[in-house]
N, C-alpha and C. Protein backbone atom coordinates (compact mmCIF):
# COMPACT_ATOMS: atom_id res chain seq x y z
N UNK A 1 -10.76 -17.82 -6.33
CA UNK A 1 -10.94 -17.05 -5.11
C UNK A 1 -11.15 -18.01 -3.94
N UNK A 2 -10.57 -17.67 -2.81
CA UNK A 2 -10.65 -18.50 -1.62
C UNK A 2 -11.78 -18.03 -0.72
N UNK A 3 -12.55 -18.97 -0.21
CA UNK A 3 -13.62 -18.67 0.74
C UNK A 3 -13.04 -18.73 2.15
N UNK A 4 -12.90 -17.57 2.84
CA UNK A 4 -12.31 -17.59 4.18
C UNK A 4 -13.14 -18.37 5.20
N UNK A 5 -14.41 -18.56 4.91
CA UNK A 5 -15.26 -19.33 5.81
C UNK A 5 -15.24 -20.82 5.47
N UNK A 6 -14.59 -21.15 4.34
CA UNK A 6 -14.46 -22.54 3.92
C UNK A 6 -15.81 -23.26 3.87
N UNK A 7 -16.81 -22.55 3.38
CA UNK A 7 -18.14 -23.15 3.24
C UNK A 7 -18.96 -23.20 4.51
N UNK A 8 -18.37 -22.77 5.63
CA UNK A 8 -19.10 -22.81 6.91
C UNK A 8 -19.99 -21.59 7.06
N UNK A 9 -21.04 -21.73 7.85
CA UNK A 9 -21.88 -20.60 8.19
C UNK A 9 -21.49 -20.11 9.58
N UNK A 10 -21.35 -18.81 9.71
CA UNK A 10 -21.04 -18.17 10.98
C UNK A 10 -22.16 -17.17 11.26
N UNK A 11 -22.66 -17.18 12.48
CA UNK A 11 -23.77 -16.32 12.86
C UNK A 11 -23.36 -15.39 14.00
N UNK A 12 -23.92 -14.19 14.02
CA UNK A 12 -23.71 -13.24 15.12
C UNK A 12 -25.05 -12.64 15.51
N UNK A 13 -25.10 -12.12 16.72
CA UNK A 13 -26.26 -11.38 17.20
C UNK A 13 -25.80 -9.94 17.41
N UNK A 14 -26.46 -9.01 16.75
CA UNK A 14 -26.07 -7.60 16.81
C UNK A 14 -27.29 -6.71 17.05
N UNK A 15 -27.06 -5.61 17.74
CA UNK A 15 -28.12 -4.62 17.95
C UNK A 15 -27.78 -3.73 19.11
N UNK A 16 -28.81 -3.30 19.82
CA UNK A 16 -28.63 -2.41 20.96
C UNK A 16 -29.90 -1.63 21.22
N UNK A 17 -29.74 -0.49 21.87
CA UNK A 17 -30.87 0.39 22.14
C UNK A 17 -30.86 1.50 21.10
N UNK A 18 -31.94 1.58 20.36
CA UNK A 18 -32.05 2.56 19.29
C UNK A 18 -32.62 3.87 19.81
N UNK A 19 -32.31 4.96 19.10
CA UNK A 19 -32.75 6.30 19.52
C UNK A 19 -34.27 6.42 19.56
N UNK A 20 -34.95 5.72 18.64
CA UNK A 20 -36.42 5.73 18.61
C UNK A 20 -36.88 4.44 17.93
N UNK A 21 -38.18 4.30 17.81
CA UNK A 21 -38.72 3.05 17.28
C UNK A 21 -38.69 2.97 15.75
N UNK A 22 -37.97 3.89 15.09
CA UNK A 22 -37.73 3.71 13.65
C UNK A 22 -36.56 2.73 13.47
N UNK A 23 -35.80 2.47 14.55
CA UNK A 23 -34.70 1.50 14.57
C UNK A 23 -33.66 1.79 13.48
N UNK A 24 -33.32 3.08 13.31
CA UNK A 24 -32.33 3.49 12.32
C UNK A 24 -30.98 3.83 12.93
N UNK A 25 -30.97 4.33 14.17
CA UNK A 25 -29.72 4.81 14.77
C UNK A 25 -29.62 4.35 16.23
N UNK A 26 -28.47 3.76 16.57
CA UNK A 26 -28.26 3.28 17.94
C UNK A 26 -27.89 4.43 18.88
N UNK A 27 -28.34 4.30 20.14
CA UNK A 27 -27.87 5.21 21.18
C UNK A 27 -26.39 4.94 21.39
N UNK A 28 -25.61 5.98 21.53
CA UNK A 28 -24.17 5.84 21.72
C UNK A 28 -23.88 4.97 22.95
N UNK A 29 -22.97 4.03 22.78
CA UNK A 29 -22.54 3.18 23.88
C UNK A 29 -23.43 1.98 24.17
N UNK A 30 -24.47 1.74 23.36
CA UNK A 30 -25.38 0.62 23.64
C UNK A 30 -25.24 -0.54 22.66
N UNK A 31 -24.36 -0.41 21.69
CA UNK A 31 -24.22 -1.46 20.68
C UNK A 31 -23.78 -2.78 21.34
N UNK A 32 -24.41 -3.87 20.89
CA UNK A 32 -24.09 -5.21 21.39
C UNK A 32 -23.69 -6.10 20.21
N UNK A 33 -22.71 -6.94 20.42
CA UNK A 33 -22.32 -7.93 19.44
C UNK A 33 -22.00 -9.21 20.19
N UNK A 34 -22.73 -10.28 19.87
CA UNK A 34 -22.56 -11.58 20.53
C UNK A 34 -22.19 -12.61 19.46
N UNK A 35 -21.26 -13.48 19.79
CA UNK A 35 -20.86 -14.51 18.86
C UNK A 35 -19.38 -14.41 18.56
N UNK A 36 -18.92 -15.14 17.59
CA UNK A 36 -19.68 -15.84 16.56
C UNK A 36 -20.24 -17.17 17.05
N UNK A 37 -21.28 -17.61 16.36
CA UNK A 37 -21.91 -18.89 16.63
C UNK A 37 -21.81 -19.74 15.37
N UNK A 38 -21.69 -21.04 15.55
CA UNK A 38 -21.53 -21.94 14.41
C UNK A 38 -22.83 -22.55 13.93
N UNK A 39 -23.95 -22.12 14.53
CA UNK A 39 -25.25 -22.59 14.04
C UNK A 39 -26.29 -21.50 14.29
N UNK A 40 -27.31 -21.51 13.45
CA UNK A 40 -28.42 -20.59 13.62
C UNK A 40 -29.10 -20.83 14.97
N UNK A 41 -29.22 -22.09 15.35
CA UNK A 41 -29.88 -22.43 16.61
C UNK A 41 -29.15 -21.82 17.81
N UNK A 42 -27.83 -21.88 17.82
CA UNK A 42 -27.06 -21.31 18.92
C UNK A 42 -27.20 -19.79 18.96
N UNK A 43 -27.21 -19.16 17.80
CA UNK A 43 -27.38 -17.70 17.73
C UNK A 43 -28.76 -17.30 18.21
N UNK A 44 -29.79 -18.05 17.81
CA UNK A 44 -31.15 -17.74 18.24
C UNK A 44 -31.32 -17.93 19.74
N UNK A 45 -30.64 -18.91 20.31
CA UNK A 45 -30.69 -19.11 21.76
C UNK A 45 -30.09 -17.91 22.49
N UNK A 46 -28.93 -17.42 22.02
CA UNK A 46 -28.31 -16.24 22.62
C UNK A 46 -29.21 -15.02 22.45
N UNK A 47 -29.82 -14.89 21.28
CA UNK A 47 -30.75 -13.78 21.01
C UNK A 47 -31.90 -13.80 22.01
N UNK A 48 -32.51 -14.96 22.19
CA UNK A 48 -33.66 -15.08 23.08
C UNK A 48 -33.29 -14.77 24.53
N UNK A 49 -32.16 -15.28 24.98
CA UNK A 49 -31.72 -15.02 26.36
C UNK A 49 -31.52 -13.54 26.60
N UNK A 50 -30.87 -12.85 25.66
CA UNK A 50 -30.61 -11.42 25.82
C UNK A 50 -31.90 -10.60 25.71
N UNK A 51 -32.75 -10.94 24.76
CA UNK A 51 -34.00 -10.20 24.58
C UNK A 51 -34.91 -10.33 25.80
N UNK A 52 -34.91 -11.48 26.46
CA UNK A 52 -35.73 -11.66 27.66
C UNK A 52 -35.29 -10.71 28.78
N UNK A 53 -33.98 -10.44 28.85
CA UNK A 53 -33.46 -9.54 29.89
C UNK A 53 -33.79 -8.08 29.61
N UNK A 54 -34.03 -7.74 28.36
CA UNK A 54 -34.25 -6.35 27.98
C UNK A 54 -35.69 -6.08 27.54
N UNK A 55 -36.61 -6.94 27.89
CA UNK A 55 -37.98 -6.88 27.40
C UNK A 55 -38.69 -5.57 27.75
N UNK A 56 -38.29 -4.90 28.81
CA UNK A 56 -38.96 -3.67 29.24
C UNK A 56 -38.49 -2.42 28.49
N UNK A 57 -37.52 -2.57 27.61
CA UNK A 57 -37.01 -1.42 26.86
C UNK A 57 -37.51 -1.53 25.42
N UNK A 58 -38.52 -0.73 25.07
CA UNK A 58 -39.17 -0.84 23.76
C UNK A 58 -38.24 -0.56 22.59
N UNK A 59 -37.20 0.23 22.79
CA UNK A 59 -36.32 0.58 21.68
C UNK A 59 -35.10 -0.34 21.58
N UNK A 60 -35.07 -1.40 22.38
CA UNK A 60 -33.97 -2.37 22.31
C UNK A 60 -34.32 -3.45 21.29
N UNK A 61 -33.40 -3.66 20.36
CA UNK A 61 -33.59 -4.70 19.34
C UNK A 61 -32.27 -5.38 19.09
N UNK A 62 -32.36 -6.69 18.88
CA UNK A 62 -31.20 -7.48 18.46
C UNK A 62 -31.60 -8.25 17.21
N UNK A 63 -30.63 -8.49 16.36
CA UNK A 63 -30.86 -9.18 15.10
C UNK A 63 -29.87 -10.34 14.97
N UNK A 64 -30.35 -11.47 14.47
CA UNK A 64 -29.48 -12.61 14.18
C UNK A 64 -29.04 -12.45 12.72
N UNK A 65 -27.73 -12.37 12.51
CA UNK A 65 -27.18 -12.13 11.18
C UNK A 65 -26.22 -13.24 10.79
N UNK A 66 -26.25 -13.63 9.52
CA UNK A 66 -25.34 -14.64 8.99
C UNK A 66 -24.18 -13.93 8.31
N UNK A 67 -22.98 -14.28 8.70
CA UNK A 67 -21.78 -13.71 8.08
C UNK A 67 -21.53 -14.41 6.75
N UNK A 68 -21.18 -13.65 5.74
CA UNK A 68 -20.85 -14.23 4.44
C UNK A 68 -19.51 -13.67 3.98
N UNK A 69 -18.80 -14.45 3.22
CA UNK A 69 -17.53 -13.98 2.68
C UNK A 69 -17.79 -12.92 1.62
N UNK A 70 -17.00 -11.87 1.62
CA UNK A 70 -17.12 -10.81 0.64
C UNK A 70 -16.30 -11.20 -0.58
N UNK A 71 -16.92 -11.27 -1.77
CA UNK A 71 -16.18 -11.65 -2.97
C UNK A 71 -14.97 -10.73 -3.18
N UNK A 72 -13.85 -11.34 -3.50
CA UNK A 72 -12.65 -10.57 -3.76
C UNK A 72 -11.87 -10.19 -2.52
N UNK A 73 -12.30 -10.66 -1.37
CA UNK A 73 -11.63 -10.34 -0.11
C UNK A 73 -11.09 -11.61 0.53
N UNK A 74 -10.37 -12.40 -0.20
CA UNK A 74 -9.83 -13.66 0.30
C UNK A 74 -8.83 -13.44 1.43
N UNK A 75 -8.63 -14.48 2.23
CA UNK A 75 -7.71 -14.39 3.37
C UNK A 75 -6.27 -14.34 2.93
């Protein structure tokens, strides 16, 4: 099986404004996706910059996520 990431780590920042503080469902039209980033540090920097701008919205959350190849889904 081929690894489409070729052993590299790819990071993204995802989230938005959630309907409530259970953080289960996003408000329509608020989803954010930033990246990809080639290091955790770069993704965390983008996360911090965006979170600082939205600090007054309690239901806004972003998450730093690592992309992984799905077994059996080669390029």
